[in-house]
Amino acid sequence: MSEQFEHQTSLPEAVPDHTPDPDAIPTEVWECESTDCKGWMRKNYSLETTPGCPLCDSPMKSGTRMIPQLKKVLRRRGINFARKIRH
């Protein structure tokens, strides 16, 4: 039975893709000070001047991250243009 398992090939380990996002811009964020926590949030979405971490309640420090810029999506209201053609 051990011969059967010797011939199996192992799968390559997953390597995270660290290529920079072309839409990423430097953005001010709050980062958790705890070494065990990875919590962070955008500063412009924080309602407090010095927030606590929402995951572990530790204090947060100011920082900068390269993250994609949020884009406003415009939606048309009213007529559904795909159904405008009558059959």
C-alpha atoms as a PDB file:
ATOM      1  CA  MET A   1       0.000   0.000   0.000  1.00  0.00           C
ATOM      2  CA  SER A   2       2.846   2.443   0.660  1.00  0.00           C
ATOM      3  CA  GLU A   3       4.019   2.080  -2.973  1.00  0.00           C
ATOM      4  CA  GLN A   4       0.702   3.499  -4.088  1.00  0.00           C
ATOM      5  CA  PHE A   5       1.271   6.772  -2.165  1.00  0.00           C
ATOM      6  CA  GLU A   6       4.924   7.190  -3.218  1.00  0.00           C
ATOM      7  CA  HIS A   7       3.980   7.865  -6.839  1.00  0.00           C
ATOM      8  CA  GLN A   8       1.504  10.650  -6.095  1.00  0.00           C
ATOM      9  CA  THR A   9       2.697  14.137  -6.922  1.00  0.00           C
ATOM     10  CA  SER A  10       2.303  16.861  -4.339  1.00  0.00           C
ATOM     11  CA  LEU A  11       0.453  20.040  -5.178  1.00  0.00           C
ATOM     12  CA  PRO A  12       2.433  23.291  -5.154  1.00  0.00           C
ATOM     13  CA  GLU A  13       1.803  25.556  -2.183  1.00  0.00           C
ATOM     14  CA  ALA A  14      -0.377  28.568  -2.830  1.00  0.00           C
ATOM     15  CA  VAL A  15       1.700  31.727  -3.071  1.00  0.00           C
ATOM     16  CA  PRO A  16      -0.143  34.986  -2.452  1.00  0.00           C
ATOM     17  CA  ASP A  17      -0.094  37.407  -5.374  1.00  0.00           C
ATOM     18  CA  HIS A  18       1.718  40.581  -4.266  1.00  0.00           C
ATOM     19  CA  THR A  19       1.480  42.490  -7.523  1.00  0.00           C
ATOM     20  CA  PRO A  20       0.495  46.110  -6.873  1.00  0.00           C
ATOM     21  CA  ASP A  21      -3.023  47.121  -7.839  1.00  0.00           C
ATOM     22  CA  PRO A  22      -2.902  49.799 -10.576  1.00  0.00           C
ATOM     23  CA  ASP A  23      -5.915  51.568  -9.009  1.00  0.00           C
ATOM     24  CA  ALA A  24      -4.326  51.698  -5.529  1.00  0.00           C
ATOM     25  CA  ILE A  25      -3.636  55.082  -3.989  1.00  0.00           C
ATOM     26  CA  PRO A  26      -2.142  55.987  -0.586  1.00  0.00           C
ATOM     27  CA  THR A  27      -5.057  56.201   1.846  1.00  0.00           C
ATOM     28  CA  GLU A  28      -5.036  57.305   5.484  1.00  0.00           C
ATOM     29  CA  VAL A  29      -6.232  54.524   7.795  1.00  0.00           C
ATOM     30  CA  TRP A  30      -6.493  53.564  11.450  1.00  0.00           C
ATOM     31  CA  GLU A  31      -4.492  50.383  12.242  1.00  0.00           C
ATOM     32  CA  CYS A  32      -4.845  48.229  15.354  1.00  0.00           C
ATOM     33  CA  GLU A  33      -1.843  48.470  17.703  1.00  0.00           C
ATOM     34  CA  SER A  34      -2.194  44.852  18.850  1.00  0.00           C
ATOM     35  CA  THR A  35       0.339  42.496  17.251  1.00  0.00           C
ATOM     36  CA  ASP A  36      -2.217  39.659  17.227  1.00  0.00           C
ATOM     37  CA  CYS A  37      -4.939  41.642  15.418  1.00  0.00           C
ATOM     38  CA  LYS A  38      -5.029  42.681  11.746  1.00  0.00           C
ATOM     39  CA  GLY A  39      -7.884  45.180  12.111  1.00  0.00           C
ATOM     40  CA  TRP A  40      -7.870  48.463  10.200  1.00  0.00           C
ATOM     41  CA  MET A  41     -10.339  50.987   8.779  1.00  0.00           C
ATOM     42  CA  ARG A  42     -10.298  54.024   6.493  1.00  0.00           C
ATOM     43  CA  LYS A  43      -9.990  57.293   8.402  1.00  0.00           C
ATOM     44  CA  ASN A  44     -12.748  58.987   6.413  1.00  0.00           C
ATOM     45  CA  TYR A  45     -15.231  56.298   7.567  1.00  0.00           C
ATOM     46  CA  SER A  46     -14.402  56.678  11.250  1.00  0.00           C
ATOM     47  CA  LEU A  47     -16.819  58.676  13.393  1.00  0.00           C
ATOM     48  CA  GLU A  48     -14.397  59.057  16.333  1.00  0.00           C
ATOM     49  CA  THR A  49     -11.172  61.061  16.497  1.00  0.00           C
ATOM     50  CA  THR A  50      -9.249  58.103  18.005  1.00  0.00           C
ATOM     51  CA  PRO A  51     -11.312  54.927  17.545  1.00  0.00           C
ATOM     52  CA  GLY A  52     -10.854  51.585  19.245  1.00  0.00           C
ATOM     53  CA  CYS A  53     -10.396  48.440  17.189  1.00  0.00           C
ATOM     54  CA  PRO A  54     -13.807  46.961  16.309  1.00  0.00           C
ATOM     55  CA  LEU A  55     -12.331  43.441  16.432  1.00  0.00           C
ATOM     56  CA  CYS A  56     -10.348  43.402  19.703  1.00  0.00           C
ATOM     57  CA  ASP A  57     -11.069  46.797  21.397  1.00  0.00           C
ATOM     58  CA  SER A  58      -7.347  47.740  21.416  1.00  0.00           C
ATOM     59  CA  PRO A  59      -6.310  51.327  20.681  1.00  0.00           C
ATOM     60  CA  MET A  60      -5.633  52.215  17.051  1.00  0.00           C
ATOM     61  CA  LYS A  61      -2.814  54.255  15.507  1.00  0.00           C
ATOM     62  CA  SER A  62      -2.701  56.357  12.373  1.00  0.00           C
ATOM     63  CA  GLY A  63      -1.190  54.837   9.244  1.00  0.00           C
ATOM     64  CA  THR A  64      -1.242  54.733   5.445  1.00  0.00           C
ATOM     65  CA  ARG A  65      -2.111  51.847   3.104  1.00  0.00           C
ATOM     66  CA  MET A  66      -2.118  51.429  -0.649  1.00  0.00           C
ATOM     67  CA  ILE A  67      -5.731  50.467  -1.376  1.00  0.00           C
ATOM     68  CA  PRO A  68      -8.039  50.950  -4.393  1.00  0.00           C
ATOM     69  CA  GLN A  69      -9.875  54.245  -4.619  1.00  0.00           C
ATOM     70  CA  LEU A  70     -13.615  53.944  -4.050  1.00  0.00           C
ATOM     71  CA  LYS A  71     -15.593  54.832  -7.151  1.00  0.00           C
ATOM     72  CA  LYS A  72     -19.116  56.149  -7.185  1.00  0.00           C
ATOM     73  CA  VAL A  73     -21.422  54.018  -9.315  1.00  0.00           C
ATOM     74  CA  LEU A  74     -24.103  55.927 -11.171  1.00  0.00           C
ATOM     75  CA  ARG A  75     -27.298  54.029 -11.849  1.00  0.00           C
ATOM     76  CA  ARG A  76     -29.996  55.032 -14.263  1.00  0.00           C
ATOM     77  CA  ARG A  77     -33.443  55.287 -12.812  1.00  0.00           C
ATOM     78  CA  GLY A  78     -36.717  54.965 -14.590  1.00  0.00           C
ATOM     79  CA  ILE A  79     -36.897  53.306 -17.983  1.00  0.00           C
ATOM     80  CA  ASN A  80     -35.078  50.041 -18.426  1.00  0.00           C
ATOM     81  CA  PHE A  81     -33.263  50.740 -21.690  1.00  0.00           C
ATOM     82  CA  ALA A  82     -32.728  47.029 -22.419  1.00  0.00           C
ATOM     83  CA  ARG A  83     -36.519  46.527 -22.636  1.00  0.00           C
ATOM     84  CA  LYS A  84     -37.240  49.650 -24.676  1.00  0.00           C
ATOM     85  CA  ILE A  85     -37.454  47.720 -27.956  1.00  0.00           C
ATOM     86  CA  ARG A  86     -40.940  46.292 -28.554  1.00  0.00           C
ATOM     87  CA  HIS A  87     -41.409  42.952 -30.276  1.00  0.00           C
END
